[in-house]
């Protein structure tokens, strides 16, 4: 509410002095802070007609585009600003965020590694870097970064969830369980942490709790591949091959590059006696 009042006050002043670029920049910032992204873009674009290369107005417009989830458009602006100001950590971080949100994990990682090398250790940057490496299959690098910044997981639920997931995929069950617990204490609905908790419960034989958690996760996000793989694994243990194939197929559709899930689907076909289908799946995994 305070940010909205600040924006309205600045906007009224701007009407009286529309050529005041400093006032216009403050107005854009206040609009972004109050989540009035349309207003921020309108004010920024009007200022850019007066000063087309104003870095702060361009950055403010990019932030508003991020707020509207128009990440591709924001990348165009931020890429230009980064070329002019490669030392600016805020530009690099926002550029990394945009690339991450559109699935360009390699580009996101490059920008994040640069700010990490410069000493940036905020939980948001660490989480995106660990997660980008994880998406790229760079488990060793993701784990190294997590190990270098262990204490941060105690203070940030999303970061602890990201750590838990990468530790689980590195077969470090104790570390995964610890980080999942950190995360769930602060946020009982953290998806990454719940996935880890459900998977570890399944591994320990607590099938009922694991099933409930996987199903709860899918009620929130029906395209959560790891939850489908979890249910498929449970069906496979029951030797319900038909259900296992359905669930695991949903899993690999959501995570087409997750080799372990393809292996699980291949074993399901193999145990069902469907040798030709098993061969196709294993060859795809290779």
Protein backbone atom coordinates (compact mmCIF):
# COMPACT_ATOMS: atom_id res chain seq x y z
CA UNK A 1 0.00 0.00 0.00
CA UNK A 2 2.83 2.39 0.85
CA UNK A 3 4.51 1.71 -2.51
CA UNK A 4 1.24 2.39 -4.30
CA UNK A 5 0.79 5.71 -2.49
CA UNK A 6 4.38 6.64 -3.35
CA UNK A 7 3.75 5.86 -7.02
CA UNK A 8 0.55 7.90 -7.10
CA UNK A 9 2.28 10.86 -5.45
CA UNK A 10 5.21 10.74 -7.88
CA UNK A 11 2.90 10.30 -10.84
CA UNK A 12 0.97 13.43 -9.86
CA UNK A 13 4.26 15.34 -9.67
CA UNK A 14 5.30 13.94 -13.04
CA UNK A 15 2.19 15.38 -14.65
CA UNK A 16 3.42 18.81 -13.60
CA UNK A 17 7.02 18.16 -14.75
CA UNK A 18 6.95 15.50 -17.50
CA UNK A 19 10.50 16.23 -18.72
CA UNK A 20 12.04 15.52 -15.31
CA UNK A 21 13.90 12.26 -15.99
CA UNK A 22 15.04 11.78 -12.39
CA UNK A 23 11.43 12.03 -11.21
CA UNK A 24 10.34 9.69 -13.99
CA UNK A 25 12.91 7.07 -12.94
CA UNK A 26 11.69 7.23 -9.34
CA UNK A 27 8.13 6.88 -10.56
CA UNK A 28 9.00 3.76 -12.57
CA UNK A 29 10.72 2.21 -9.55
CA UNK A 30 7.73 2.94 -7.33
CA UNK A 31 5.36 1.45 -9.91
CA UNK A 32 7.41 -1.76 -10.07
CA UNK A 33 7.55 -1.97 -6.27
CA UNK A 34 3.76 -1.64 -6.12
CA UNK A 35 3.42 -4.27 -8.89
CA UNK A 36 1.81 -1.76 -11.21
CA UNK A 37 3.76 -3.13 -14.13
CA UNK A 38 1.59 -1.60 -16.84
CA UNK A 39 2.02 1.82 -15.24
CA UNK A 40 5.78 1.33 -14.95
CA UNK A 41 6.11 0.44 -18.62
CA UNK A 42 3.97 3.38 -19.71
CA UNK A 43 5.98 5.86 -17.64
CA UNK A 44 9.29 4.35 -18.79
CA UNK A 45 8.35 4.37 -22.47
CA UNK A 46 7.26 8.00 -22.30
CA UNK A 47 10.64 8.85 -20.80
CA UNK A 48 12.50 6.84 -23.43
CA UNK A 49 10.94 9.04 -26.09
CA UNK A 50 12.80 11.92 -24.41
CA UNK A 51 16.00 9.96 -23.72
CA UNK A 52 16.12 6.70 -25.75
CA UNK A 53 19.33 5.44 -24.11
CA UNK A 54 18.49 6.15 -20.47
CA UNK A 55 19.88 3.06 -18.69
CA UNK A 56 17.74 3.39 -15.59
CA UNK A 57 14.51 3.74 -17.54
CA UNK A 58 15.46 0.74 -19.65
CA UNK A 59 16.26 -1.28 -16.54
CA UNK A 60 12.98 -0.23 -14.93
CA UNK A 61 11.05 -1.26 -18.04
CA UNK A 62 12.83 -4.63 -18.04
CA UNK A 63 11.89 -5.16 -14.38
CA UNK A 64 8.26 -4.42 -15.21
CA UNK A 65 8.38 -6.89 -18.11
CA UNK A 66 9.72 -9.52 -15.70
CA UNK A 67 6.80 -8.73 -13.41
CA UNK A 68 4.45 -9.42 -16.33
CA UNK A 69 6.34 -12.68 -17.07
CA UNK A 70 7.40 -11.32 -20.47
CA UNK A 71 10.88 -12.72 -20.04
CA UNK A 72 11.86 -12.86 -23.69
CA UNK A 73 11.17 -9.14 -24.09
CA UNK A 74 13.10 -8.39 -20.90
CA UNK A 75 16.07 -10.40 -22.18
CA UNK A 76 16.36 -8.11 -25.20
CA UNK A 77 16.65 -5.00 -23.01
CA UNK A 78 18.84 -6.58 -20.34
CA UNK A 79 21.17 -8.07 -22.92
CA UNK A 80 21.83 -4.61 -24.32
CA UNK A 81 22.39 -3.17 -20.84
CA UNK A 82 24.70 -6.02 -19.88
CA UNK A 83 26.83 -5.44 -22.97
CA UNK A 84 27.23 -1.82 -21.89
CA UNK A 85 27.66 -2.55 -18.17
CA UNK A 86 29.01 -6.11 -17.72
CA UNK A 87 30.15 -5.24 -14.18
CA UNK A 88 26.60 -4.46 -13.02
CA UNK A 89 25.56 -7.43 -10.86
CA UNK A 90 21.86 -6.49 -10.79
CA UNK A 91 21.65 -6.57 -14.58
CA UNK A 92 23.45 -9.91 -14.70
CA UNK A 93 21.19 -11.43 -12.05
CA UNK A 94 17.99 -10.30 -13.74
CA UNK A 95 19.27 -11.53 -17.09
CA UNK A 96 20.03 -14.91 -15.52
CA UNK A 97 16.55 -15.03 -13.98
CA UNK A 98 14.92 -14.38 -17.36
CA UNK A 99 16.95 -17.07 -19.10
CA UNK A 100 16.12 -19.51 -16.29
CA UNK A 101 12.40 -18.76 -16.55
CA UNK A 102 12.35 -19.52 -20.29
CA UNK A 103 14.40 -22.69 -19.86
CA UNK A 104 17.72 -21.38 -21.17
CA UNK A 105 19.62 -22.97 -18.29
CA UNK A 106 23.02 -22.80 -19.97
CA UNK A 107 22.79 -19.03 -20.49
CA UNK A 108 21.37 -18.58 -16.99
CA UNK A 109 24.27 -20.52 -15.54
CA UNK A 110 26.86 -18.44 -17.42
CA UNK A 111 25.56 -15.17 -15.97
CA UNK A 112 25.13 -16.68 -12.51
CA UNK A 113 28.64 -18.12 -12.46
CA UNK A 114 29.97 -14.65 -13.26
CA UNK A 115 28.20 -12.98 -10.34
CA UNK A 116 29.10 -15.93 -8.09
CA UNK A 117 32.76 -15.52 -9.01
CA UNK A 118 32.46 -11.85 -8.03
CA UNK A 119 31.38 -12.88 -4.53
CA UNK A 120 27.58 -12.72 -4.73
CA UNK A 121 26.10 -15.13 -2.16
CA UNK A 122 22.44 -14.19 -1.84
CA UNK A 123 20.07 -17.16 -1.46
CA UNK A 124 18.23 -16.29 -4.67
CA UNK A 125 21.39 -16.33 -6.78
CA UNK A 126 22.67 -19.53 -5.17
CA UNK A 127 19.32 -21.26 -5.70
CA UNK A 128 19.16 -20.35 -9.38
CA UNK A 129 22.78 -21.40 -9.90
CA UNK A 130 22.34 -24.76 -8.17
CA UNK A 131 19.08 -25.38 -10.01
CA UNK A 132 20.52 -24.35 -13.40
CA UNK A 133 23.44 -26.75 -12.94
CA UNK A 134 21.00 -29.44 -11.87
CA UNK A 135 18.86 -28.95 -14.98
CA UNK A 136 22.00 -29.20 -17.10
CA UNK A 137 23.03 -32.45 -15.46
CA UNK A 138 26.05 -30.83 -13.81
CA UNK A 139 25.40 -32.56 -10.50
CA UNK A 140 28.99 -32.32 -9.25
CA UNK A 141 29.04 -28.54 -9.75
CA UNK A 142 25.61 -28.11 -8.16
CA UNK A 143 26.67 -30.15 -5.13
CA UNK A 144 29.95 -28.23 -4.82
CA UNK A 145 28.07 -24.92 -4.69
CA UNK A 146 25.62 -26.32 -2.14
CA UNK A 147 28.46 -27.60 0.02
CA UNK A 148 30.19 -24.22 -0.15
CA UNK A 149 27.05 -22.46 1.09
CA UNK A 150 25.49 -24.96 3.50
CA UNK A 151 24.48 -22.49 6.20
CA UNK A 152 22.28 -20.49 3.82
CA UNK A 153 19.89 -23.46 3.62
CA UNK A 154 18.91 -22.95 7.26
CA UNK A 155 17.50 -19.51 6.46
CA UNK A 156 15.79 -19.94 3.08
CA UNK A 157 13.13 -22.56 2.35
CA UNK A 158 13.38 -22.44 -1.45
CA UNK A 159 17.17 -22.75 -1.35
CA UNK A 160 17.00 -25.66 1.10
CA UNK A 161 14.53 -27.39 -1.23
CA UNK A 162 16.86 -26.97 -4.19
CA UNK A 163 19.74 -28.38 -2.13
CA UNK A 164 17.61 -31.33 -1.03
CA UNK A 165 16.76 -32.24 -4.61
CA UNK A 166 20.34 -32.11 -5.86
CA UNK A 167 21.66 -34.02 -2.84
CA UNK A 168 19.06 -36.72 -3.47
CA UNK A 169 20.16 -37.08 -7.08
CA UNK A 170 23.75 -37.32 -5.85
CA UNK A 171 22.74 -40.24 -3.59
CA UNK A 172 23.41 -38.22 -0.43
CA UNK A 173 20.21 -39.21 1.35
CA UNK A 174 21.16 -37.83 4.78
CA UNK A 175 22.00 -34.39 3.38
CA UNK A 176 18.83 -34.45 1.26
CA UNK A 177 16.69 -35.31 4.28
CA UNK A 178 18.30 -32.60 6.41
CA UNK A 179 17.75 -29.88 3.80
CA UNK A 180 14.18 -31.05 3.12
CA UNK A 181 13.49 -30.73 6.84
CA UNK A 182 14.93 -27.19 6.91
CA UNK A 183 12.73 -26.26 3.98
CA UNK A 184 9.50 -27.81 5.24
CA UNK A 185 9.84 -26.23 8.68
CA UNK A 186 9.73 -22.80 7.04
CA UNK A 187 7.36 -23.67 4.19
CA UNK A 188 5.35 -26.92 4.45
CA UNK A 189 4.33 -26.54 0.79
CA UNK A 190 7.79 -26.29 -0.79
CA UNK A 191 7.47 -28.54 -3.84
CA UNK A 192 11.15 -29.53 -4.10
CA UNK A 193 11.30 -30.48 -0.43
CA UNK A 194 8.05 -32.43 -0.57
CA UNK A 195 9.33 -34.36 -3.59
CA UNK A 196 12.45 -35.30 -1.68
CA UNK A 197 10.50 -36.21 1.45
CA UNK A 198 8.10 -38.42 -0.53
CA UNK A 199 10.93 -40.12 -2.42
CA UNK A 200 12.90 -40.82 0.75
CA UNK A 201 9.78 -42.14 2.49
CA UNK A 202 9.19 -44.49 -0.44
CA UNK A 203 12.79 -45.71 -0.21
CA UNK A 204 12.35 -46.35 3.53
CA UNK A 205 9.13 -48.33 3.02
CA UNK A 206 6.65 -45.69 4.18
CA UNK A 207 4.54 -46.26 1.10
CA UNK A 208 1.28 -44.77 2.34
CA UNK A 209 2.80 -41.40 3.25
CA UNK A 210 4.83 -41.30 0.03
CA UNK A 211 1.72 -41.99 -2.07
CA UNK A 212 -0.26 -39.29 -0.28
CA UNK A 213 2.53 -36.73 -0.76
CA UNK A 214 2.99 -37.54 -4.46
CA UNK A 215 -0.76 -37.24 -5.06
CA UNK A 216 -0.94 -33.97 -3.12
CA UNK A 217 1.87 -32.58 -5.27
CA UNK A 218 0.09 -33.59 -8.47
CA UNK A 219 -3.09 -31.88 -7.29
CA UNK A 220 -1.05 -28.66 -7.22
CA UNK A 221 0.94 -29.31 -10.40
CA UNK A 222 -0.36 -32.11 -12.67
CA UNK A 223 2.80 -31.89 -14.80
CA UNK A 224 5.24 -32.63 -11.99
CA UNK A 225 7.29 -35.37 -13.59
CA UNK A 226 9.06 -36.59 -10.46
CA UNK A 227 5.73 -37.18 -8.71
CA UNK A 228 4.48 -39.27 -11.64
CA UNK A 229 7.73 -41.25 -11.57
CA UNK A 230 7.26 -41.78 -7.83
CA UNK A 231 3.77 -43.18 -8.34
CA UNK A 232 5.01 -45.25 -11.27
CA UNK A 233 7.76 -46.72 -9.10
CA UNK A 234 5.18 -47.69 -6.51
CA UNK A 235 3.03 -49.36 -9.14
CA UNK A 236 6.09 -51.23 -10.40
CA UNK A 237 6.79 -52.50 -6.88
CA UNK A 238 3.19 -53.81 -6.81
CA UNK A 239 3.87 -55.42 -10.21
CA UNK A 240 0.98 -53.38 -11.61
CA UNK A 241 2.78 -52.95 -14.90
CA UNK A 242 -0.12 -51.30 -16.73
CA UNK A 243 -0.41 -48.53 -14.14
CA UNK A 244 3.36 -48.21 -13.88
CA UNK A 245 3.63 -47.64 -17.63
CA UNK A 246 0.92 -44.97 -17.52
CA UNK A 247 2.49 -43.10 -14.60
CA UNK A 248 6.07 -43.39 -15.83
CA UNK A 249 5.08 -42.27 -19.33
CA UNK A 250 3.54 -39.14 -17.80
CA UNK A 251 6.82 -38.68 -15.93
CA UNK A 252 9.10 -38.88 -18.97
CA UNK A 253 6.75 -36.62 -20.94
CA UNK A 254 7.32 -33.95 -18.29
CA UNK A 255 11.04 -34.72 -17.88
CA UNK A 256 12.20 -35.92 -21.32
CA UNK A 257 15.89 -35.56 -20.42
CA UNK A 258 15.78 -37.40 -17.07
CA UNK A 259 17.61 -40.61 -17.92
CA UNK A 260 16.75 -42.42 -14.68
CA UNK A 261 13.04 -42.14 -15.43
CA UNK A 262 13.54 -43.66 -18.88
CA UNK A 263 15.44 -46.52 -17.22
CA UNK A 264 12.50 -47.11 -14.87
CA UNK A 265 10.09 -47.20 -17.80
CA UNK A 266 12.40 -49.59 -19.65
CA UNK A 267 12.52 -51.95 -16.68
CA UNK A 268 8.71 -51.86 -16.47
CA UNK A 269 8.43 -53.04 -20.07
CA UNK A 270 11.12 -55.65 -19.44
CA UNK A 271 9.40 -57.06 -16.35
CA UNK A 272 6.10 -57.11 -18.24
CA UNK A 273 7.75 -59.26 -20.92
CA UNK A 274 7.52 -56.51 -23.56
CA UNK A 275 11.05 -56.95 -24.84
CA UNK A 276 10.76 -54.89 -28.04
CA UNK A 277 9.32 -51.92 -26.14
CA UNK A 278 11.97 -52.27 -23.44
CA UNK A 279 14.72 -52.22 -26.08
CA UNK A 280 13.31 -49.06 -27.65
CA UNK A 281 13.16 -47.27 -24.30
CA UNK A 282 16.68 -48.31 -23.26
CA UNK A 283 18.07 -47.27 -26.66
CA UNK A 284 16.36 -43.89 -26.23
CA UNK A 285 17.93 -43.54 -22.79
CA UNK A 286 21.37 -44.26 -24.27
